[in-house]
C-alpha cells in the first residue's frame, strides 16, 4: 500500500487527518518539562494547554505513533504526576 493510500485512510470526510488525543491534569511546574520532552518527538505529537487554570494539557498523537507515544507517556507518568482528564470542547484534528 502506498504512503498516499495510507494518508487517505487516515483522513476524515473534510480532508483533515484524525489524531488520538490524550488529556491530562498536570502541575503547572511540570508543563514546561513535558513540552520540552514531547517536542523532541517532533512529528509524533503536539502538546497544548487547554485549561491553564486547572492545568489540563492535550497531547495530540499522530496516526501510526499511538503505541510509541503511549509508552512514552507511561514513562513520563513515572516522573511527573499526570492524571487522565476528560475534555470534549475541541475536535482532535489537524
N, C-alpha and C. Protein backbone atom coordinates (compact mmCIF):
# COMPACT_ATOMS: atom_id res chain seq x y z
N UNK A 1 0.85 -1.17 0.00
CA UNK A 1 0.00 0.00 0.00
C UNK A 1 0.90 1.24 0.00
N UNK A 2 0.57 2.21 -0.84
CA UNK A 2 1.41 3.40 -0.95
C UNK A 2 1.19 4.34 0.24
N UNK A 3 2.16 5.24 0.47
CA UNK A 3 2.03 6.23 1.53
C UNK A 3 0.80 7.10 1.31
N UNK A 4 0.51 7.40 0.05
CA UNK A 4 -0.65 8.22 -0.28
C UNK A 4 -1.95 7.50 0.12
N UNK A 5 -2.01 6.20 -0.09
CA UNK A 5 -3.20 5.42 0.29
C UNK A 5 -3.38 5.41 1.79
N UNK A 6 -2.29 5.25 2.53
CA UNK A 6 -2.36 5.25 3.99
C UNK A 6 -2.83 6.60 4.48
N UNK A 7 -2.29 7.68 3.92
CA UNK A 7 -2.69 9.03 4.32
C UNK A 7 -4.18 9.25 4.06
N UNK A 8 -4.67 8.76 2.94
CA UNK A 8 -6.08 8.93 2.62
C UNK A 8 -6.97 8.16 3.59
N UNK A 9 -6.52 7.00 4.06
CA UNK A 9 -7.29 6.21 5.00
C UNK A 9 -7.41 6.90 6.35
N UNK A 10 -6.41 7.72 6.72
CA UNK A 10 -6.40 8.39 8.00
C UNK A 10 -7.06 9.77 7.95
N UNK A 11 -7.78 10.08 6.90
CA UNK A 11 -8.43 11.37 6.78
C UNK A 11 -9.90 11.28 7.10
N UNK A 12 -10.40 12.37 7.70
CA UNK A 12 -11.83 12.48 7.93
C UNK A 12 -12.48 12.95 6.65
N UNK A 13 -13.80 13.03 6.64
CA UNK A 13 -14.53 13.41 5.43
C UNK A 13 -14.12 14.77 4.89
N UNK A 14 -13.79 15.72 5.76
CA UNK A 14 -13.44 17.06 5.29
C UNK A 14 -11.96 17.17 4.93
N UNK A 15 -11.22 16.06 4.93
CA UNK A 15 -9.83 16.06 4.49
C UNK A 15 -8.80 16.19 5.59
N UNK A 16 -9.22 16.49 6.81
CA UNK A 16 -8.26 16.59 7.90
C UNK A 16 -7.92 15.21 8.44
N UNK A 17 -6.66 15.02 8.84
CA UNK A 17 -6.27 13.73 9.41
C UNK A 17 -6.73 13.67 10.86
N UNK A 18 -7.21 12.49 11.25
CA UNK A 18 -7.65 12.31 12.62
C UNK A 18 -6.46 11.93 13.49
N UNK A 19 -6.49 12.39 14.70
CA UNK A 19 -5.45 12.09 15.67
C UNK A 19 -6.11 11.49 16.91
N UNK A 20 -5.31 10.89 17.73
CA UNK A 20 -5.76 10.40 19.02
C UNK A 20 -5.32 11.43 20.04
N UNK A 21 -6.24 11.90 20.86
CA UNK A 21 -5.89 12.90 21.87
C UNK A 21 -5.96 12.29 23.26
N UNK A 22 -4.97 12.60 24.05
CA UNK A 22 -4.92 12.22 25.45
C UNK A 22 -4.92 13.52 26.26
N UNK A 23 -5.73 13.59 27.29
CA UNK A 23 -5.83 14.77 28.15
C UNK A 23 -5.37 14.39 29.55
N UNK A 24 -4.60 15.30 30.15
CA UNK A 24 -4.07 15.06 31.49
C UNK A 24 -4.13 16.34 32.31
N UNK A 25 -4.31 16.18 33.60
CA UNK A 25 -4.14 17.28 34.54
C UNK A 25 -2.73 17.16 35.07
N UNK A 26 -1.96 18.23 34.94
CA UNK A 26 -0.57 18.24 35.42
C UNK A 26 -0.32 19.51 36.21
N UNK A 27 0.68 19.46 37.07
CA UNK A 27 1.08 20.65 37.82
C UNK A 27 1.68 21.66 36.85
N UNK A 28 1.43 22.93 37.10
CA UNK A 28 1.96 23.97 36.22
C UNK A 28 3.48 23.87 36.08
N UNK A 29 4.16 23.53 37.15
CA UNK A 29 5.62 23.44 37.11
C UNK A 29 6.10 22.32 36.18
N UNK A 30 5.24 21.34 35.88
CA UNK A 30 5.62 20.23 35.01
C UNK A 30 5.28 20.46 33.54
N UNK A 31 4.47 21.47 33.24
CA UNK A 31 4.06 21.71 31.86
C UNK A 31 5.25 21.99 30.94
N UNK A 32 6.17 22.82 31.39
CA UNK A 32 7.33 23.17 30.56
C UNK A 32 8.21 21.95 30.35
N UNK A 33 8.42 21.16 31.39
CA UNK A 33 9.22 19.94 31.28
C UNK A 33 8.59 19.00 30.24
N UNK A 34 7.28 18.76 30.35
CA UNK A 34 6.60 17.87 29.41
C UNK A 34 6.67 18.41 27.99
N UNK A 35 6.45 19.70 27.82
CA UNK A 35 6.51 20.31 26.49
C UNK A 35 7.89 20.12 25.88
N UNK A 36 8.94 20.33 26.69
CA UNK A 36 10.32 20.18 26.23
C UNK A 36 10.58 18.74 25.77
N UNK A 37 10.19 17.77 26.57
CA UNK A 37 10.41 16.36 26.23
C UNK A 37 9.60 15.97 25.00
N UNK A 38 8.33 16.33 24.97
CA UNK A 38 7.46 15.93 23.86
C UNK A 38 7.85 16.60 22.55
N UNK A 39 8.38 17.81 22.60
CA UNK A 39 8.84 18.46 21.37
C UNK A 39 10.02 17.71 20.74
N UNK A 40 10.76 16.97 21.54
CA UNK A 40 11.87 16.18 21.00
C UNK A 40 11.36 15.05 20.08
N UNK A 41 10.10 14.70 20.24
CA UNK A 41 9.49 13.66 19.41
C UNK A 41 8.69 14.33 18.30
N UNK A 42 9.33 15.22 17.59
CA UNK A 42 8.72 16.02 16.53
C UNK A 42 8.07 15.12 15.47
N UNK A 43 6.87 15.49 15.09
CA UNK A 43 6.15 14.73 14.09
C UNK A 43 5.30 13.60 14.65
N UNK A 44 5.50 13.29 15.93
CA UNK A 44 4.73 12.21 16.55
C UNK A 44 3.56 12.74 17.37
N UNK A 45 3.69 13.98 17.87
CA UNK A 45 2.66 14.52 18.76
C UNK A 45 2.72 16.04 18.79
N UNK A 46 1.65 16.61 19.33
CA UNK A 46 1.59 18.04 19.59
C UNK A 46 0.97 18.21 20.97
N UNK A 47 1.67 18.90 21.86
CA UNK A 47 1.13 19.17 23.19
C UNK A 47 0.63 20.60 23.24
N UNK A 48 -0.54 20.79 23.82
CA UNK A 48 -1.06 22.14 24.02
C UNK A 48 -1.81 22.19 25.35
N UNK A 49 -1.93 23.39 25.88
CA UNK A 49 -2.67 23.60 27.12
C UNK A 49 -4.10 23.96 26.75
N UNK A 50 -5.06 23.24 27.31
CA UNK A 50 -6.46 23.52 27.01
C UNK A 50 -7.15 24.25 28.15
N UNK A 51 -6.63 24.12 29.37
CA UNK A 51 -7.17 24.87 30.52
C UNK A 51 -6.01 25.17 31.45
N UNK A 52 -5.45 26.36 31.32
CA UNK A 52 -4.28 26.72 32.11
C UNK A 52 -4.61 26.84 33.60
N UNK A 53 -5.82 27.27 33.92
CA UNK A 53 -6.21 27.45 35.32
C UNK A 53 -6.19 26.11 36.07
N UNK A 54 -6.77 25.08 35.44
CA UNK A 54 -6.85 23.75 36.06
C UNK A 54 -5.57 22.95 35.82
N UNK A 55 -4.87 23.25 34.72
CA UNK A 55 -3.66 22.51 34.37
C UNK A 55 -3.92 21.34 33.45
N UNK A 56 -4.90 21.48 32.56
CA UNK A 56 -5.21 20.39 31.63
C UNK A 56 -4.44 20.61 30.34
N UNK A 57 -3.72 19.56 29.95
CA UNK A 57 -2.98 19.59 28.68
C UNK A 57 -3.60 18.56 27.74
N UNK A 58 -3.42 18.80 26.45
CA UNK A 58 -3.85 17.85 25.42
C UNK A 58 -2.60 17.41 24.68
N UNK A 59 -2.46 16.11 24.51
CA UNK A 59 -1.39 15.56 23.70
C UNK A 59 -2.06 14.88 22.51
N UNK A 60 -1.92 15.52 21.34
CA UNK A 60 -2.50 15.00 20.11
C UNK A 60 -1.45 14.11 19.45
N UNK A 61 -1.80 12.85 19.27
CA UNK A 61 -0.86 11.86 18.75
C UNK A 61 -1.18 11.59 17.29
N UNK A 62 -0.17 11.69 16.47
CA UNK A 62 -0.35 11.47 15.04
C UNK A 62 -0.64 10.00 14.74
N UNK A 63 -1.42 9.74 13.70
CA UNK A 63 -1.70 8.35 13.32
C UNK A 63 -0.41 7.56 13.10
N UNK A 64 -0.39 6.35 13.62
CA UNK A 64 0.77 5.48 13.44
C UNK A 64 1.75 5.53 14.59
N UNK A 65 1.56 6.46 15.53
CA UNK A 65 2.50 6.61 16.64
C UNK A 65 1.85 6.39 18.01
N UNK A 66 0.64 5.87 18.03
CA UNK A 66 -0.09 5.74 19.29
C UNK A 66 0.63 4.83 20.28
N UNK A 67 1.08 3.67 19.85
CA UNK A 67 1.75 2.74 20.76
C UNK A 67 3.05 3.34 21.30
N UNK A 68 3.83 3.96 20.42
CA UNK A 68 5.09 4.59 20.86
C UNK A 68 4.81 5.69 21.87
N UNK A 69 3.83 6.53 21.58
CA UNK A 69 3.54 7.65 22.48
C UNK A 69 2.93 7.17 23.79
N UNK A 70 2.11 6.13 23.75
CA UNK A 70 1.55 5.60 25.00
C UNK A 70 2.67 5.08 25.90
N UNK A 71 3.69 4.45 25.31
CA UNK A 71 4.84 4.01 26.09
C UNK A 71 5.60 5.18 26.68
N UNK A 72 5.81 6.23 25.89
CA UNK A 72 6.49 7.42 26.39
C UNK A 72 5.69 8.09 27.48
N UNK A 73 4.38 8.21 27.30
CA UNK A 73 3.54 8.84 28.32
C UNK A 73 3.53 8.04 29.61
N UNK A 74 3.57 6.73 29.52
CA UNK A 74 3.64 5.89 30.72
C UNK A 74 4.94 6.17 31.47
N UNK A 75 6.05 6.28 30.73
CA UNK A 75 7.34 6.58 31.38
C UNK A 75 7.33 7.97 31.99
N UNK A 76 6.81 8.95 31.27
CA UNK A 76 6.74 10.31 31.81
C UNK A 76 5.86 10.35 33.05
N UNK A 77 4.81 9.52 33.08
CA UNK A 77 3.93 9.45 34.24
C UNK A 77 4.61 8.92 35.48
N UNK A 78 5.74 8.25 35.30
CA UNK A 78 6.52 7.80 36.46
C UNK A 78 7.41 8.92 36.99
N UNK A 79 7.63 9.95 36.17
CA UNK A 79 8.50 11.06 36.55
C UNK A 79 7.73 12.28 37.07
N UNK A 80 6.53 12.50 36.52
CA UNK A 80 5.68 13.60 36.96
C UNK A 80 4.25 13.08 37.10
N UNK A 81 3.46 13.75 37.91
CA UNK A 81 2.07 13.34 38.09
C UNK A 81 1.25 13.79 36.90
N UNK A 82 0.64 12.83 36.23
CA UNK A 82 -0.21 13.10 35.06
C UNK A 82 -1.51 12.35 35.27
N UNK A 83 -2.54 13.06 35.71
CA UNK A 83 -3.83 12.44 35.96
C UNK A 83 -4.70 12.53 34.70
N UNK A 84 -5.17 11.41 34.17
CA UNK A 84 -6.02 11.45 32.99
C UNK A 84 -7.24 12.36 33.22
N UNK A 85 -7.62 13.10 32.19
CA UNK A 85 -8.74 14.04 32.31
C UNK A 85 -9.66 13.88 31.09
N UNK A 86 -10.90 14.30 31.25
CA UNK A 86 -11.87 14.33 30.16
C UNK A 86 -11.93 15.75 29.62
N UNK A 87 -12.04 15.87 28.30
CA UNK A 87 -12.17 17.17 27.66
C UNK A 87 -12.86 16.96 26.32
N UNK A 88 -13.94 17.72 26.10
CA UNK A 88 -14.73 17.47 24.89
C UNK A 88 -15.01 18.74 24.10
N UNK A 89 -14.37 19.86 24.41
CA UNK A 89 -14.70 21.12 23.75
C UNK A 89 -14.07 21.29 22.37
N UNK A 90 -13.01 20.56 22.07
CA UNK A 90 -12.30 20.77 20.82
C UNK A 90 -12.16 19.45 20.06
N UNK A 91 -12.33 19.49 18.73
CA UNK A 91 -12.09 18.26 17.94
C UNK A 91 -10.60 17.98 17.89
N UNK A 92 -10.26 16.75 17.71
CA UNK A 92 -8.85 16.35 17.68
C UNK A 92 -8.44 16.09 16.23
N UNK A 93 -8.24 17.18 15.48
CA UNK A 93 -7.83 17.09 14.08
C UNK A 93 -6.78 18.13 13.80
N UNK A 94 -6.07 17.96 12.67
CA UNK A 94 -5.12 18.98 12.22
C UNK A 94 -5.26 19.18 10.74
